[in-house]
């Protein structure tokens, strides 16, 4: 999509601090990190959200989790990490392009965000 910021990052039109890239995905540091390690992993193909995953495009999701496993070792997350996907308005999805947050190097709490009253 022409106006999608993550599509522009994937295409190299917007610079990012990449930690991984292959033919299907890009992983880069989040500009507003919520943990000492906070990397976003996105498919290069535009998929608006987890609600748009189909049999035709689901293979990239498996590949993303393979990349996350690889990155967890490379980024020293041997004590554990969290993977988050936000979907839709109530899920707090701010960019309408499927993406996964890889967070680590700190003890995580639960729930991850305070509930609104």
C-alpha atoms as a PDB file:
ATOM      1  CA  UNK A   1       0.000   0.000   0.000  1.00  0.00           C
ATOM      2  CA  UNK A   2       1.329   3.392  -0.982  1.00  0.00           C
ATOM      3  CA  UNK A   3       0.539   5.134   2.313  1.00  0.00           C
ATOM      4  CA  UNK A   4       1.557   2.330   4.721  1.00  0.00           C
ATOM      5  CA  UNK A   5       4.586   3.256   6.822  1.00  0.00           C
ATOM      6  CA  UNK A   6       5.595  -0.393   7.328  1.00  0.00           C
ATOM      7  CA  UNK A   7       5.391  -1.063   3.577  1.00  0.00           C
ATOM      8  CA  UNK A   8       7.711   1.925   3.087  1.00  0.00           C
ATOM      9  CA  UNK A   9      10.130   0.585   5.714  1.00  0.00           C
ATOM     10  CA  UNK A  10      10.035  -2.868   4.090  1.00  0.00           C
ATOM     11  CA  UNK A  11      10.756  -1.299   0.693  1.00  0.00           C
ATOM     12  CA  UNK A  12      13.665   0.731   2.101  1.00  0.00           C
ATOM     13  CA  UNK A  13      11.920   4.048   1.429  1.00  0.00           C
ATOM     14  CA  UNK A  14      12.017   4.963   5.131  1.00  0.00           C
ATOM     15  CA  UNK A  15      15.195   4.200   7.086  1.00  0.00           C
ATOM     16  CA  UNK A  16      15.076   1.882  10.063  1.00  0.00           C
ATOM     17  CA  UNK A  17      17.569   0.145  12.342  1.00  0.00           C
ATOM     18  CA  UNK A  18      17.170  -3.314  10.842  1.00  0.00           C
ATOM     19  CA  UNK A  19      18.289  -6.404  12.720  1.00  0.00           C
ATOM     20  CA  UNK A  20      17.094  -8.914  10.109  1.00  0.00           C
ATOM     21  CA  UNK A  21      15.841  -9.020   6.547  1.00  0.00           C
ATOM     22  CA  UNK A  22      15.114 -11.730   4.002  1.00  0.00           C
ATOM     23  CA  UNK A  23      12.784 -12.067   1.026  1.00  0.00           C
ATOM     24  CA  UNK A  24       9.646 -12.312   3.177  1.00  0.00           C
ATOM     25  CA  UNK A  25      10.179 -10.294   6.368  1.00  0.00           C
ATOM     26  CA  UNK A  26      11.976  -7.364   7.939  1.00  0.00           C
ATOM     27  CA  UNK A  27      12.790  -6.925  11.641  1.00  0.00           C
ATOM     28  CA  UNK A  28      13.811  -3.563  13.067  1.00  0.00           C
ATOM     29  CA  UNK A  29      14.079  -1.723  16.383  1.00  0.00           C
ATOM     30  CA  UNK A  30      10.913   0.020  17.568  1.00  0.00           C
ATOM     31  CA  UNK A  31      11.188   3.825  17.730  1.00  0.00           C
ATOM     32  CA  UNK A  32       9.347   3.855  21.083  1.00  0.00           C
ATOM     33  CA  UNK A  33      10.808   0.837  22.899  1.00  0.00           C
ATOM     34  CA  UNK A  34       8.841  -0.627  25.792  1.00  0.00           C
ATOM     35  CA  UNK A  35      11.693  -2.902  26.891  1.00  0.00           C
ATOM     36  CA  UNK A  36      15.488  -2.897  26.562  1.00  0.00           C
ATOM     37  CA  UNK A  37      14.991  -5.095  23.481  1.00  0.00           C
ATOM     38  CA  UNK A  38      11.965  -4.122  21.398  1.00  0.00           C
ATOM     39  CA  UNK A  39      11.997  -5.281  17.784  1.00  0.00           C
ATOM     40  CA  UNK A  40       9.147  -5.267  15.292  1.00  0.00           C
ATOM     41  CA  UNK A  41       8.920  -8.172  12.856  1.00  0.00           C
ATOM     42  CA  UNK A  42       6.776  -7.517   9.781  1.00  0.00           C
ATOM     43  CA  UNK A  43       5.975  -9.295   6.541  1.00  0.00           C
ATOM     44  CA  UNK A  44       7.100  -7.452   3.421  1.00  0.00           C
ATOM     45  CA  UNK A  45       3.713  -8.201   1.845  1.00  0.00           C
ATOM     46  CA  UNK A  46       0.949  -5.926   3.083  1.00  0.00           C
ATOM     47  CA  UNK A  47      -1.414  -7.836   5.361  1.00  0.00           C
ATOM     48  CA  UNK A  48      -3.557  -5.335   7.304  1.00  0.00           C
ATOM     49  CA  UNK A  49      -3.917  -7.348  10.539  1.00  0.00           C
ATOM     50  CA  UNK A  50      -4.084 -10.784  12.123  1.00  0.00           C
ATOM     51  CA  UNK A  51      -7.780 -10.781  11.199  1.00  0.00           C
ATOM     52  CA  UNK A  52      -6.705 -10.848   7.530  1.00  0.00           C
ATOM     53  CA  UNK A  53      -4.553 -14.003   7.761  1.00  0.00           C
ATOM     54  CA  UNK A  54      -5.735 -16.626   5.266  1.00  0.00           C
ATOM     55  CA  UNK A  55      -4.630 -20.026   4.006  1.00  0.00           C
ATOM     56  CA  UNK A  56      -2.938 -18.203   1.124  1.00  0.00           C
ATOM     57  CA  UNK A  57      -0.797 -15.864   3.279  1.00  0.00           C
ATOM     58  CA  UNK A  58      -0.396 -17.763   6.560  1.00  0.00           C
ATOM     59  CA  UNK A  59       2.978 -19.239   5.635  1.00  0.00           C
ATOM     60  CA  UNK A  60       4.622 -15.889   6.300  1.00  0.00           C
ATOM     61  CA  UNK A  61       3.365 -15.997   9.897  1.00  0.00           C
ATOM     62  CA  UNK A  62       5.142 -19.308  10.499  1.00  0.00           C
ATOM     63  CA  UNK A  63       8.250 -17.789   8.938  1.00  0.00           C
ATOM     64  CA  UNK A  64       7.972 -14.750  11.213  1.00  0.00           C
ATOM     65  CA  UNK A  65       8.024 -17.030  14.257  1.00  0.00           C
ATOM     66  CA  UNK A  66      11.079 -18.834  12.873  1.00  0.00           C
ATOM     67  CA  UNK A  67      12.756 -15.426  12.583  1.00  0.00           C
ATOM     68  CA  UNK A  68      11.672 -14.521  16.128  1.00  0.00           C
ATOM     69  CA  UNK A  69      13.258 -17.744  17.441  1.00  0.00           C
ATOM     70  CA  UNK A  70      16.496 -16.906  15.595  1.00  0.00           C
ATOM     71  CA  UNK A  71      16.507 -13.301  16.799  1.00  0.00           C
ATOM     72  CA  UNK A  72      15.824 -14.305  20.406  1.00  0.00           C
ATOM     73  CA  UNK A  73      19.166 -16.111  20.427  1.00  0.00           C
ATOM     74  CA  UNK A  74      21.032 -13.378  18.575  1.00  0.00           C
ATOM     75  CA  UNK A  75      19.642 -10.673  20.874  1.00  0.00           C
ATOM     76  CA  UNK A  76      20.487 -12.568  24.066  1.00  0.00           C
ATOM     77  CA  UNK A  77      16.947 -13.298  25.211  1.00  0.00           C
ATOM     78  CA  UNK A  78      17.857 -16.620  26.813  1.00  0.00           C
ATOM     79  CA  UNK A  79      15.841 -15.768  29.965  1.00  0.00           C
ATOM     80  CA  UNK A  80      12.667 -15.360  27.941  1.00  0.00           C
ATOM     81  CA  UNK A  81      10.778 -12.842  25.878  1.00  0.00           C
ATOM     82  CA  UNK A  82       7.290 -11.763  24.910  1.00  0.00           C
ATOM     83  CA  UNK A  83       5.720 -11.635  21.450  1.00  0.00           C
ATOM     84  CA  UNK A  84       2.722  -9.326  21.045  1.00  0.00           C
ATOM     85  CA  UNK A  85       0.359  -8.753  18.144  1.00  0.00           C
ATOM     86  CA  UNK A  86      -2.236  -6.024  18.397  1.00  0.00           C
ATOM     87  CA  UNK A  87      -5.296  -6.449  16.177  1.00  0.00           C
ATOM     88  CA  UNK A  88      -7.936  -3.802  15.516  1.00  0.00           C
ATOM     89  CA  UNK A  89      -8.945  -0.731  17.481  1.00  0.00           C
ATOM     90  CA  UNK A  90      -9.742  -2.522  20.753  1.00  0.00           C
ATOM     91  CA  UNK A  91      -6.468  -4.447  20.432  1.00  0.00           C
ATOM     92  CA  UNK A  92      -4.595  -1.119  20.176  1.00  0.00           C
ATOM     93  CA  UNK A  93      -3.285  -1.740  16.647  1.00  0.00           C
ATOM     94  CA  UNK A  94      -1.756   1.582  15.594  1.00  0.00           C
ATOM     95  CA  UNK A  95      -0.321   0.615  12.190  1.00  0.00           C
ATOM     96  CA  UNK A  96      -2.611  -1.281   9.837  1.00  0.00           C
ATOM     97  CA  UNK A  97       0.082  -3.728   8.711  1.00  0.00           C
ATOM     98  CA  UNK A  98       0.541  -7.080  10.428  1.00  0.00           C
ATOM     99  CA  UNK A  99       3.429  -6.867  12.882  1.00  0.00           C
ATOM    100  CA  UNK A 100       4.745  -8.638  15.929  1.00  0.00           C
ATOM    101  CA  UNK A 101       6.527  -6.971  18.850  1.00  0.00           C
ATOM    102  CA  UNK A 102       9.473  -8.957  20.243  1.00  0.00           C
ATOM    103  CA  UNK A 103      10.225  -7.656  23.746  1.00  0.00           C
ATOM    104  CA  UNK A 104      12.887  -8.812  26.152  1.00  0.00           C
ATOM    105  CA  UNK A 105      15.711  -8.130  28.606  1.00  0.00           C
ATOM    106  CA  UNK A 106      13.280  -7.272  31.400  1.00  0.00           C
ATOM    107  CA  UNK A 107      10.792  -9.092  33.599  1.00  0.00           C
ATOM    108  CA  UNK A 108       7.334  -8.823  32.056  1.00  0.00           C
ATOM    109  CA  UNK A 109       4.167  -8.221  34.042  1.00  0.00           C
ATOM    110  CA  UNK A 110       0.624  -9.424  33.484  1.00  0.00           C
ATOM    111  CA  UNK A 111      -1.637  -8.048  32.239  1.00  0.00           C
ATOM    112  CA  UNK A 112       0.765  -6.324  29.849  1.00  0.00           C
ATOM    113  CA  UNK A 113      -1.268  -3.084  29.836  1.00  0.00           C
ATOM    114  CA  UNK A 114      -3.659  -1.709  32.448  1.00  0.00           C
ATOM    115  CA  UNK A 115      -7.316  -2.301  31.663  1.00  0.00           C
ATOM    116  CA  UNK A 116      -9.533   0.729  31.244  1.00  0.00           C
ATOM    117  CA  UNK A 117     -12.429   1.061  33.636  1.00  0.00           C
END
